Amino acid sequence: MESNIKKIAVFTSGGDAPGMNACVRAAVRTCIYFGIDVYGITGGYDGMINNRISPMSASSVGNIIQYGGTILKSARSKEFRTPEGRKIAYDNLKSHNIDALVAIGGDGTYTGALKFSEEYGIPVIGCPGTIDNDLAGTDYTIGFDTATNTAVDAIDKIRDTADAHNRVFFVEVMGRHSGHIALNAALAGGAEGVFIPEKENEFEDLISFHKNKRREKQFSIFVVAEGDEQGRAYGIGKCLSATFP
């Protein structure tokens, strides 16, 4: 069945994630393959509001697949959270006769896309691009594997120093509301403990565990998710550093 969609705009939003450029490339070249004109929006929703919308071609995404970040840039937009801001964005899209969007991002990106689609009926294809791996409907989000391996690499390097000086190290990783990176990095890196936002802080259990373990082992590594504003798994490294001089 022939699609009514003739023009699609691609954008990246929120925090950048490794693999976003590869996703942009795939989206652009897939559209071209199916005879759909494709546009790129520079700077996410902010770029949509400020009409930073331009045509893309197969050559415009050549030689980008191996680079981090995003060639379409990314930005957060307070204005897009308002009805007035979304109306401006819609008018700009319509001025280019754009029928649909490809949104590459995480939870905030999808929240904005859902609201926008509900208000103006624009179809949106979501590509899960976030290192936090906190989106349903996919086993792994774009960027999660790279982020986890980067954290494991750091833990491997820190272990040598921890061993040499018989120290306790707390490695803080990204994950304000999601402990996927912390948990997977802790398992792969052989850490002694992990703190994640999904589970209440267990200071006493950790202290008891550490004191017993230290009889067998002279150094320890704990992985801490950055946590949220309410303090769950937030700032634990600093607190426990004082506990274990």
Protein backbone atom coordinates (compact mmCIF):
# COMPACT_ATOMS: atom_id res chain seq x y z
CA MET A 1 0.00 0.00 0.00
CA GLU A 2 1.37 3.37 -0.97
CA SER A 3 2.09 5.74 1.91
CA ASN A 4 0.68 9.26 2.07
CA ILE A 5 3.88 10.46 3.72
CA LYS A 6 6.07 12.35 1.29
CA LYS A 7 8.41 14.29 3.57
CA ILE A 8 9.96 13.27 6.90
CA ALA A 9 12.13 15.26 9.30
CA VAL A 10 14.77 13.58 11.49
CA PHE A 11 16.03 15.06 14.77
CA THR A 12 18.02 14.11 17.85
CA SER A 13 17.06 15.41 21.28
CA GLY A 14 18.14 15.28 24.91
CA GLY A 15 21.49 13.84 25.93
CA ASP A 16 23.62 12.53 23.10
CA ALA A 17 24.28 8.80 22.92
CA PRO A 18 26.89 6.77 21.00
CA GLY A 19 25.23 5.43 17.88
CA MET A 20 22.98 8.41 17.22
CA ASN A 21 24.84 9.27 14.02
CA ALA A 22 24.45 5.72 12.79
CA CYS A 23 20.73 5.98 13.47
CA VAL A 24 20.48 9.33 11.64
CA ARG A 25 22.29 7.79 8.68
CA ALA A 26 19.98 4.78 8.63
CA ALA A 27 16.86 6.96 8.83
CA VAL A 28 17.99 9.29 6.04
CA ARG A 29 19.03 6.54 3.65
CA THR A 30 15.92 4.47 4.35
CA CYS A 31 13.73 7.44 3.48
CA ILE A 32 15.67 8.02 0.27
CA TYR A 33 15.37 4.34 -0.66
CA PHE A 34 11.58 4.55 -0.38
CA GLY A 35 11.40 7.80 -2.32
CA ILE A 36 10.59 10.01 0.66
CA ASP A 37 12.15 13.46 0.93
CA VAL A 38 14.01 13.78 4.22
CA TYR A 39 14.93 16.82 6.26
CA GLY A 40 17.20 17.28 9.26
CA ILE A 41 16.32 19.46 12.24
CA THR A 42 19.37 20.97 13.92
CA GLY A 43 19.13 21.22 17.70
CA GLY A 44 16.12 19.05 18.51
CA TYR A 45 12.89 20.76 19.55
CA ASP A 46 14.71 24.08 19.86
CA GLY A 47 15.69 23.82 16.21
CA MET A 48 12.11 22.94 15.32
CA ILE A 49 10.88 26.15 16.97
CA ASN A 50 13.62 28.27 15.39
CA ASN A 51 13.10 26.74 11.94
CA ARG A 52 16.56 25.20 11.64
CA ILE A 53 15.21 22.67 9.15
CA SER A 54 17.07 21.76 5.98
CA PRO A 55 16.99 19.00 3.32
CA MET A 56 19.30 16.01 3.70
CA SER A 57 20.74 13.67 1.08
CA ALA A 58 22.65 10.40 1.07
CA SER A 59 25.93 12.31 0.86
CA SER A 60 25.05 14.49 3.87
CA VAL A 61 25.26 11.42 6.12
CA GLY A 62 28.33 9.90 4.49
CA ASN A 63 31.27 9.01 6.75
CA ILE A 64 29.44 9.73 10.02
CA ILE A 65 28.63 6.22 11.23
CA GLN A 66 31.80 5.90 13.34
CA TYR A 67 31.56 9.26 15.13
CA GLY A 68 30.07 9.94 18.55
CA GLY A 69 27.71 12.77 19.37
CA THR A 70 25.21 13.79 16.72
CA ILE A 71 25.69 15.78 13.52
CA LEU A 72 22.18 17.18 14.01
CA LYS A 73 23.20 18.55 17.41
CA SER A 74 20.96 18.35 20.46
CA ALA A 75 19.38 20.82 22.83
CA ARG A 76 16.72 21.00 25.49
CA SER A 77 13.81 23.37 24.91
CA LYS A 78 11.68 24.91 27.66
CA GLU A 79 9.66 26.71 24.99
CA PHE A 80 8.55 23.43 23.42
CA ARG A 81 6.92 22.51 26.72
CA THR A 82 4.40 25.30 26.17
CA PRO A 83 1.41 25.17 23.77
CA GLU A 84 2.68 28.34 22.13
CA GLY A 85 6.09 26.83 21.47
CA ARG A 86 4.62 23.67 19.98
CA LYS A 87 2.38 25.75 17.72
CA ILE A 88 5.43 27.57 16.35
CA ALA A 89 7.16 24.23 15.78
CA TYR A 90 4.11 22.88 13.95
CA ASP A 91 3.86 25.93 11.72
CA ASN A 92 7.54 25.60 10.79
CA LEU A 93 7.11 21.94 9.88
CA LYS A 94 4.09 22.73 7.76
CA SER A 95 6.00 25.49 5.94
CA HIS A 96 8.29 22.71 4.68
CA ASN A 97 5.32 20.38 4.02
CA ILE A 98 6.72 17.82 6.46
CA ASP A 99 4.29 14.95 7.11
CA ALA A 100 6.06 12.94 9.83
CA LEU A 101 8.99 12.91 12.25
CA VAL A 102 11.75 10.52 13.27
CA ALA A 103 12.64 11.28 16.89
CA ILE A 104 15.95 9.89 18.20
CA GLY A 105 16.23 10.29 21.95
CA GLY A 106 15.10 9.15 25.36
CA ASP A 107 12.21 9.61 27.77
CA GLY A 108 12.00 13.41 27.51
CA THR A 109 12.15 13.25 23.72
CA TYR A 110 9.31 10.73 23.61
CA THR A 111 7.21 12.71 26.08
CA GLY A 112 7.45 15.77 23.85
CA ALA A 113 6.80 13.74 20.71
CA LEU A 114 3.68 12.13 22.21
CA LYS A 115 2.25 15.48 23.25
CA PHE A 116 3.04 16.98 19.84
CA SER A 117 1.46 14.06 18.00
CA GLU A 118 -1.67 14.19 20.15
CA GLU A 119 -2.12 17.91 19.51
CA TYR A 120 -1.39 18.02 15.79
CA GLY A 121 -1.77 14.47 14.54
CA ILE A 122 1.76 14.24 13.15
CA PRO A 123 3.02 10.60 13.00
CA VAL A 124 6.26 10.07 14.93
CA ILE A 125 8.69 7.17 14.67
CA GLY A 126 10.70 6.79 17.88
CA CYS A 127 14.28 5.48 17.84
CA PRO A 128 15.41 4.79 21.43
CA GLY A 129 18.65 6.73 21.82
CA THR A 130 19.72 6.99 25.47
CA ILE A 131 22.58 5.48 27.43
CA ASP A 132 20.29 4.93 30.44
CA ASN A 133 18.46 2.00 28.77
CA ASP A 134 15.25 3.15 30.48
CA LEU A 135 12.74 2.80 27.64
CA ALA A 136 10.24 -0.02 27.32
CA GLY A 137 9.81 -1.99 24.11
CA THR A 138 13.48 -2.64 23.39
CA ASP A 139 16.11 -4.87 24.97
CA TYR A 140 18.88 -2.29 24.69
CA THR A 141 18.72 1.37 23.74
CA ILE A 142 21.19 3.04 21.38
CA GLY A 143 24.28 4.01 23.38
CA PHE A 144 23.76 1.73 26.40
CA ASP A 145 26.32 -0.90 25.39
CA THR A 146 29.01 1.71 24.73
CA ALA A 147 28.31 3.48 28.03
CA THR A 148 28.51 0.23 29.97
CA ASN A 149 31.78 -0.79 28.33
CA THR A 150 33.24 2.66 29.01
CA ALA A 151 32.35 2.30 32.70
CA VAL A 152 33.81 -1.22 32.85
CA ASP A 153 37.02 0.04 31.28
CA ALA A 154 37.26 2.74 33.96
CA ILE A 155 36.64 0.19 36.73
CA ASP A 156 39.39 -2.05 35.35
CA LYS A 157 41.87 0.83 35.49
CA ILE A 158 40.81 1.96 38.96
CA ARG A 159 41.19 -1.56 40.35
CA ASP A 160 44.99 -1.44 39.92
CA THR A 161 45.25 1.67 42.07
CA ALA A 162 42.74 0.37 44.63
CA ASP A 163 44.80 -2.80 44.98
CA ALA A 164 48.12 -0.98 45.18
CA HIS A 165 46.96 1.32 48.00
CA ASN A 166 44.40 -0.93 49.74
CA ARG A 167 41.67 1.64 49.17
CA VAL A 168 37.91 1.75 48.80
CA PHE A 169 36.78 3.37 45.55
CA PHE A 170 33.32 4.59 44.57
CA VAL A 171 32.76 4.84 40.84
CA GLU A 172 29.82 7.08 39.95
CA VAL A 173 28.13 6.50 36.59
CA MET A 174 25.19 8.06 34.76
CA GLY A 175 21.63 7.03 35.62
CA ARG A 176 19.47 9.60 37.40
CA HIS A 177 16.39 7.38 37.48
CA SER A 178 17.83 4.19 36.00
CA GLY A 179 20.44 1.84 37.41
CA HIS A 180 21.08 -0.20 34.25
CA ILE A 181 24.58 1.15 33.61
CA ALA A 182 25.60 0.87 37.26
CA LEU A 183 24.27 -2.67 37.69
CA ASN A 184 25.71 -4.04 34.45
CA ALA A 185 29.07 -2.30 34.93
CA ALA A 186 29.28 -3.58 38.50
CA LEU A 187 28.62 -7.15 37.39
CA ALA A 188 31.03 -7.02 34.46
CA GLY A 189 33.67 -5.14 36.42
CA GLY A 190 33.61 -7.39 39.48
CA ALA A 191 32.60 -4.64 41.92
CA GLU A 192 31.82 -5.47 45.54
CA GLY A 193 28.55 -3.54 45.61
CA VAL A 194 26.25 -1.28 43.62
CA PHE A 195 23.74 1.45 44.43
CA ILE A 196 20.88 2.06 42.01
CA PRO A 197 17.85 4.42 42.13
CA GLU A 198 15.39 1.53 41.81
CA LYS A 199 16.36 0.17 45.25
CA GLU A 200 16.35 1.92 48.59
CA ASN A 201 19.76 2.76 50.01
CA GLU A 202 21.13 -0.06 52.14
CA PHE A 203 23.90 1.60 54.09
CA GLU A 204 23.93 -0.82 57.02
CA ASP A 205 24.01 -3.90 54.80
CA LEU A 206 26.85 -2.44 52.78
CA ILE A 207 28.86 -1.52 55.87
CA SER A 208 28.46 -5.00 57.36
CA PHE A 209 29.32 -6.63 54.05
CA HIS A 210 32.36 -4.44 53.56
CA LYS A 211 33.74 -5.04 57.05
CA ASN A 212 33.41 -8.80 56.67
CA LYS A 213 34.79 -8.81 53.16
CA ARG A 214 37.75 -6.68 54.10
CA ARG A 215 39.15 -9.52 56.18
CA GLU A 216 39.61 -11.43 52.93
CA LYS A 217 40.30 -8.54 50.59
CA GLN A 218 42.23 -5.33 51.19
CA PHE A 219 40.47 -3.16 48.61
CA SER A 220 36.95 -2.68 47.33
CA ILE A 221 35.14 -1.01 44.44
CA PHE A 222 31.53 0.12 44.58
CA VAL A 223 29.52 1.45 41.65
CA VAL A 224 27.02 4.24 42.29
CA ALA A 225 24.32 5.49 39.92
CA GLU A 226 24.14 9.28 40.00
CA GLY A 227 20.63 9.06 41.43
CA ASP A 228 17.73 11.48 41.35
CA GLU A 229 16.86 14.76 43.05
CA GLN A 230 15.14 12.96 45.93
CA GLY A 231 18.41 11.43 47.07
CA ARG A 232 17.91 7.81 46.11
CA ALA A 233 21.36 6.49 45.30
CA TYR A 234 22.50 10.13 45.17
CA GLY A 235 25.75 11.22 46.82
CA ILE A 236 26.35 7.81 48.37
CA GLY A 237 30.00 7.81 47.41
CA LYS A 238 30.63 10.95 49.42
CA CYS A 239 28.75 9.65 52.46
CA LEU A 240 30.44 6.28 52.51
CA SER A 241 33.86 7.75 51.89
CA ALA A 242 33.56 9.29 55.36
CA THR A 243 32.39 5.96 56.77
CA PHE A 244 35.41 4.06 55.41
CA PRO A 245 38.50 6.23 56.02
